[in-house]
Amino acid sequence: MARRFAHILIVAVLMLMLMLTTGTALAGGPTIRQKVYEKLSRAQEAVEAQEYDKANRLLEDVAKYKDLSPNETAQLYNAFGYTYFNQERYADAAQAYEKV
């Protein structure tokens, strides 16, 4: 039980740190193209509306892009982690955050 709590706490701290940096990057970071920004924003809106399937579909669409920049890739996996965390899929969230 203590191990699971520690795992959840680590994921929560990582999520918080990444959320703090995501807003700045999504707000106009030079290495995020418009089409990627729009899908990531729509995915975030879907998560906030608890429409997790929609969010995952949008993120999977972005993941199919062959030419993602390192920043776009980081933002993508941060969004996956955030989505999984909100679904209480903590192991998946941790794996996504490890890819950031």
N, C-alpha and C. Protein backbone atom coordinates (compact mmCIF):
# COMPACT_ATOMS: atom_id res chain seq x y z
N MET A 1 0.83 -1.19 0.00
CA MET A 1 0.00 0.00 0.00
C MET A 1 0.87 1.26 0.00
N ALA A 2 1.91 1.26 0.83
CA ALA A 2 2.79 2.42 0.89
C ALA A 2 3.52 2.62 -0.43
N ARG A 3 3.87 1.53 -1.08
CA ARG A 3 4.57 1.62 -2.36
C ARG A 3 3.66 2.25 -3.42
N ARG A 4 2.39 1.84 -3.43
CA ARG A 4 1.46 2.41 -4.39
C ARG A 4 1.26 3.90 -4.13
N PHE A 5 1.14 4.26 -2.87
CA PHE A 5 0.99 5.67 -2.53
C PHE A 5 2.20 6.47 -3.00
N ALA A 6 3.39 5.93 -2.78
CA ALA A 6 4.61 6.62 -3.21
C ALA A 6 4.63 6.77 -4.73
N HIS A 7 4.19 5.75 -5.43
CA HIS A 7 4.14 5.79 -6.89
C HIS A 7 3.17 6.88 -7.35
N ILE A 8 2.00 6.91 -6.73
CA ILE A 8 1.00 7.91 -7.09
C ILE A 8 1.51 9.32 -6.77
N LEU A 9 2.18 9.46 -5.65
CA LEU A 9 2.73 10.76 -5.27
C LEU A 9 3.78 11.23 -6.27
N ILE A 10 4.64 10.33 -6.70
CA ILE A 10 5.67 10.68 -7.69
C ILE A 10 5.01 11.12 -8.99
N VAL A 11 4.02 10.37 -9.44
CA VAL A 11 3.33 10.73 -10.68
C VAL A 11 2.66 12.09 -10.53
N ALA A 12 2.03 12.32 -9.40
CA ALA A 12 1.35 13.60 -9.18
C ALA A 12 2.33 14.77 -9.21
N VAL A 13 3.48 14.60 -8.59
CA VAL A 13 4.49 15.66 -8.59
C VAL A 13 5.00 15.91 -10.00
N LEU A 14 5.29 14.83 -10.73
CA LEU A 14 5.73 14.98 -12.11
C LEU A 14 4.68 15.68 -12.95
N MET A 15 3.43 15.28 -12.76
CA MET A 15 2.35 15.89 -13.52
C MET A 15 2.27 17.39 -13.23
N LEU A 16 2.38 17.75 -11.99
CA LEU A 16 2.32 19.17 -11.63
C LEU A 16 3.47 19.94 -12.26
N MET A 17 4.67 19.40 -12.19
CA MET A 17 5.82 20.08 -12.78
C MET A 17 5.64 20.24 -14.29
N LEU A 18 5.16 19.20 -14.93
CA LEU A 18 5.01 19.26 -16.38
C LEU A 18 3.85 20.16 -16.78
N MET A 19 2.80 20.19 -15.98
CA MET A 19 1.69 21.08 -16.29
C MET A 19 2.12 22.54 -16.22
N LEU A 20 2.99 22.84 -15.29
CA LEU A 20 3.47 24.22 -15.16
C LEU A 20 4.28 24.65 -16.37
N THR A 21 4.99 23.73 -16.98
CA THR A 21 5.78 24.08 -18.16
C THR A 21 4.98 23.97 -19.44
N THR A 22 3.93 23.16 -19.46
CA THR A 22 3.14 22.96 -20.66
C THR A 22 2.43 24.24 -21.08
N GLY A 23 1.85 24.94 -20.14
CA GLY A 23 1.11 26.15 -20.47
C GLY A 23 1.96 27.15 -21.23
N THR A 24 3.17 27.34 -20.82
CA THR A 24 4.06 28.28 -21.50
C THR A 24 4.38 27.80 -22.90
N ALA A 25 4.69 26.54 -23.04
CA ALA A 25 5.04 26.02 -24.36
C ALA A 25 3.85 26.05 -25.30
N LEU A 26 2.68 25.69 -24.81
CA LEU A 26 1.50 25.68 -25.67
C LEU A 26 1.03 27.09 -26.00
N ALA A 27 1.37 28.03 -25.17
CA ALA A 27 0.92 29.40 -25.39
C ALA A 27 1.68 30.12 -26.48
N GLY A 28 2.60 29.48 -27.10
CA GLY A 28 3.28 30.16 -28.19
C GLY A 28 4.74 29.78 -28.32
N GLY A 29 5.11 28.64 -27.77
CA GLY A 29 6.48 28.19 -27.94
C GLY A 29 6.80 28.04 -29.42
N PRO A 30 7.98 28.45 -29.84
CA PRO A 30 8.31 28.49 -31.26
C PRO A 30 8.43 27.13 -31.91
N THR A 31 8.52 26.07 -31.14
CA THR A 31 8.73 24.76 -31.76
C THR A 31 7.47 23.91 -31.81
N ILE A 32 6.32 24.49 -31.54
CA ILE A 32 5.07 23.74 -31.66
C ILE A 32 4.28 24.32 -32.82
N ARG A 33 4.07 23.49 -33.82
CA ARG A 33 3.32 23.94 -34.99
C ARG A 33 1.84 24.09 -34.66
N GLN A 34 1.16 24.88 -35.45
CA GLN A 34 -0.25 25.18 -35.23
C GLN A 34 -1.10 23.92 -35.19
N LYS A 35 -0.91 23.00 -36.13
CA LYS A 35 -1.75 21.79 -36.18
C LYS A 35 -1.55 20.93 -34.94
N VAL A 36 -0.34 20.88 -34.41
CA VAL A 36 -0.07 20.11 -33.20
C VAL A 36 -0.69 20.82 -32.00
N TYR A 37 -0.47 22.12 -31.92
CA TYR A 37 -1.03 22.93 -30.83
C TYR A 37 -2.55 22.76 -30.75
N GLU A 38 -3.22 22.84 -31.89
CA GLU A 38 -4.68 22.75 -31.91
C GLU A 38 -5.16 21.40 -31.40
N LYS A 39 -4.52 20.32 -31.82
CA LYS A 39 -4.96 18.99 -31.35
C LYS A 39 -4.65 18.80 -29.87
N LEU A 40 -3.49 19.26 -29.43
CA LEU A 40 -3.17 19.15 -28.00
C LEU A 40 -4.15 19.96 -27.17
N SER A 41 -4.50 21.13 -27.64
CA SER A 41 -5.47 21.97 -26.92
C SER A 41 -6.84 21.31 -26.87
N ARG A 42 -7.26 20.74 -28.00
CA ARG A 42 -8.56 20.05 -28.03
C ARG A 42 -8.54 18.83 -27.11
N ALA A 43 -7.42 18.13 -27.06
CA ALA A 43 -7.30 16.98 -26.17
C ALA A 43 -7.40 17.42 -24.71
N GLN A 44 -6.75 18.52 -24.37
CA GLN A 44 -6.82 19.04 -23.00
C GLN A 44 -8.26 19.42 -22.65
N GLU A 45 -8.95 20.06 -23.57
CA GLU A 45 -10.36 20.41 -23.34
C GLU A 45 -11.20 19.16 -23.14
N ALA A 46 -10.91 18.11 -23.90
CA ALA A 46 -11.66 16.85 -23.77
C ALA A 46 -11.41 16.24 -22.39
N VAL A 47 -10.18 16.27 -21.91
CA VAL A 47 -9.88 15.74 -20.58
C VAL A 47 -10.65 16.52 -19.53
N GLU A 48 -10.64 17.84 -19.65
CA GLU A 48 -11.35 18.67 -18.67
C GLU A 48 -12.84 18.39 -18.68
N ALA A 49 -13.37 17.95 -19.82
CA ALA A 49 -14.79 17.58 -19.93
C ALA A 49 -15.00 16.10 -19.62
N GLN A 50 -13.95 15.42 -19.18
CA GLN A 50 -13.96 13.98 -18.87
C GLN A 50 -14.33 13.14 -20.09
N GLU A 51 -13.97 13.60 -21.26
CA GLU A 51 -14.17 12.86 -22.51
C GLU A 51 -12.84 12.21 -22.88
N TYR A 52 -12.49 11.19 -22.12
CA TYR A 52 -11.16 10.60 -22.23
C TYR A 52 -10.93 9.86 -23.54
N ASP A 53 -11.95 9.20 -24.06
CA ASP A 53 -11.78 8.51 -25.35
C ASP A 53 -11.47 9.52 -26.45
N LYS A 54 -12.17 10.64 -26.43
CA LYS A 54 -11.92 11.69 -27.42
C LYS A 54 -10.50 12.23 -27.27
N ALA A 55 -10.09 12.48 -26.04
CA ALA A 55 -8.74 12.98 -25.79
C ALA A 55 -7.69 12.00 -26.31
N ASN A 56 -7.88 10.73 -26.01
CA ASN A 56 -6.92 9.72 -26.47
C ASN A 56 -6.87 9.65 -27.99
N ARG A 57 -8.01 9.75 -28.66
CA ARG A 57 -8.03 9.73 -30.13
C ARG A 57 -7.24 10.91 -30.70
N LEU A 58 -7.46 12.08 -30.13
CA LEU A 58 -6.73 13.27 -30.59
C LEU A 58 -5.22 13.11 -30.38
N LEU A 59 -4.85 12.58 -29.24
CA LEU A 59 -3.42 12.39 -28.97
C LEU A 59 -2.82 11.32 -29.87
N GLU A 60 -3.58 10.26 -30.13
CA GLU A 60 -3.10 9.22 -31.06
C GLU A 60 -2.90 9.81 -32.45
N ASP A 61 -3.78 10.72 -32.85
CA ASP A 61 -3.61 11.39 -34.15
C ASP A 61 -2.28 12.14 -34.20
N VAL A 62 -1.98 12.86 -33.14
CA VAL A 62 -0.72 13.61 -33.09
C VAL A 62 0.47 12.63 -33.10
N ALA A 63 0.34 11.53 -32.38
CA ALA A 63 1.43 10.55 -32.30
C ALA A 63 1.77 9.96 -33.67
N LYS A 64 0.84 10.00 -34.60
CA LYS A 64 1.07 9.46 -35.94
C LYS A 64 1.93 10.39 -36.80
N TYR A 65 2.06 11.64 -36.41
CA TYR A 65 2.89 12.57 -37.18
C TYR A 65 4.34 12.07 -37.14
N LYS A 66 4.95 11.99 -38.29
CA LYS A 66 6.32 11.46 -38.38
C LYS A 66 7.38 12.50 -38.04
N ASP A 67 7.03 13.75 -38.10
CA ASP A 67 8.03 14.81 -38.01
C ASP A 67 7.88 15.68 -36.76
N LEU A 68 7.50 15.09 -35.64
CA LEU A 68 7.35 15.87 -34.41
C LEU A 68 8.71 16.37 -33.92
N SER A 69 8.74 17.61 -33.50
CA SER A 69 9.97 18.15 -32.90
C SER A 69 10.12 17.56 -31.49
N PRO A 70 11.29 17.67 -30.91
CA PRO A 70 11.46 17.18 -29.53
C PRO A 70 10.47 17.85 -28.56
N ASN A 71 10.21 19.13 -28.72
CA ASN A 71 9.27 19.82 -27.85
C ASN A 71 7.85 19.31 -28.07
N GLU A 72 7.47 19.09 -29.32
CA GLU A 72 6.14 18.56 -29.62
C GLU A 72 5.98 17.16 -29.03
N THR A 73 7.02 16.36 -29.13
CA THR A 73 6.98 15.01 -28.57
C THR A 73 6.82 15.07 -27.05
N ALA A 74 7.55 15.96 -26.41
CA ALA A 74 7.44 16.11 -24.96
C ALA A 74 6.04 16.54 -24.56
N GLN A 75 5.48 17.50 -25.29
CA GLN A 75 4.13 17.97 -24.99
C GLN A 75 3.10 16.86 -25.21
N LEU A 76 3.31 16.06 -26.24
CA LEU A 76 2.40 14.95 -26.53
C LEU A 76 2.38 13.96 -25.37
N TYR A 77 3.55 13.52 -24.92
CA TYR A 77 3.58 12.53 -23.84
C TYR A 77 3.17 13.12 -22.51
N ASN A 78 3.39 14.40 -22.32
CA ASN A 78 2.86 15.07 -21.14
C ASN A 78 1.34 15.02 -21.15
N ALA A 79 0.76 15.26 -22.32
CA ALA A 79 -0.71 15.22 -22.45
C ALA A 79 -1.23 13.80 -22.24
N PHE A 80 -0.52 12.80 -22.79
CA PHE A 80 -0.91 11.41 -22.54
C PHE A 80 -0.88 11.13 -21.03
N GLY A 81 0.19 11.53 -20.37
CA GLY A 81 0.30 11.30 -18.93
C GLY A 81 -0.82 11.96 -18.16
N TYR A 82 -1.13 13.19 -18.51
CA TYR A 82 -2.22 13.92 -17.85
C TYR A 82 -3.56 13.22 -18.06
N THR A 83 -3.78 12.75 -19.28
CA THR A 83 -5.03 12.04 -19.60
C THR A 83 -5.13 10.75 -18.80
N TYR A 84 -4.06 9.96 -18.82
CA TYR A 84 -4.07 8.70 -18.07
C TYR A 84 -4.23 8.94 -16.57
N PHE A 85 -3.55 9.95 -16.06
CA PHE A 85 -3.65 10.24 -14.63
C PHE A 85 -5.09 10.55 -14.24
N ASN A 86 -5.77 11.33 -15.06
CA ASN A 86 -7.16 11.68 -14.78
C ASN A 86 -8.10 10.49 -14.88
N GLN A 87 -7.66 9.44 -15.56
CA GLN A 87 -8.45 8.21 -15.65
C GLN A 87 -8.05 7.22 -14.55
N GLU A 88 -7.13 7.64 -13.68
CA GLU A 88 -6.58 6.80 -12.62
C GLU A 88 -5.82 5.61 -13.19
N ARG A 89 -5.25 5.79 -14.37
CA ARG A 89 -4.38 4.79 -14.99
C ARG A 89 -2.94 5.19 -14.67
N TYR A 90 -2.58 5.02 -13.41
CA TYR A 90 -1.34 5.57 -12.91
C TYR A 90 -0.09 4.95 -13.54
N ALA A 91 -0.11 3.65 -13.79
CA ALA A 91 1.06 3.02 -14.42
C ALA A 91 1.26 3.57 -15.83
N ASP A 92 0.16 3.72 -16.58
CA ASP A 92 0.26 4.28 -17.93
C ASP A 92 0.73 5.73 -17.87
N ALA A 93 0.24 6.47 -16.89
CA ALA A 93 0.65 7.87 -16.74
C ALA A 93 2.15 7.95 -16.47
N ALA A 94 2.64 7.10 -15.58
CA ALA A 94 4.07 7.11 -15.26
C ALA A 94 4.90 6.78 -16.50
N GLN A 95 4.45 5.81 -17.29
CA GLN A 95 5.18 5.47 -18.52
C GLN A 95 5.20 6.63 -19.50
N ALA A 96 4.08 7.30 -19.63
CA ALA A 96 4.02 8.45 -20.54
C ALA A 96 4.95 9.56 -20.06
N TYR A 97 4.95 9.83 -18.76
CA TYR A 97 5.81 10.89 -18.23
C TYR A 97 7.29 10.53 -18.38
N GLU A 98 7.61 9.24 -18.35
CA GLU A 98 9.01 8.83 -18.55
C GLU A 98 9.48 9.16 -19.96
N LYS A 99 8.57 9.23 -20.92
CA LYS A 99 8.93 9.54 -22.30
C LYS A 99 9.12 11.03 -22.54
N VAL A 100 8.67 11.84 -21.58
CA VAL A 100 8.84 13.28 -21.71
C VAL A 100 10.31 13.58 -21.58
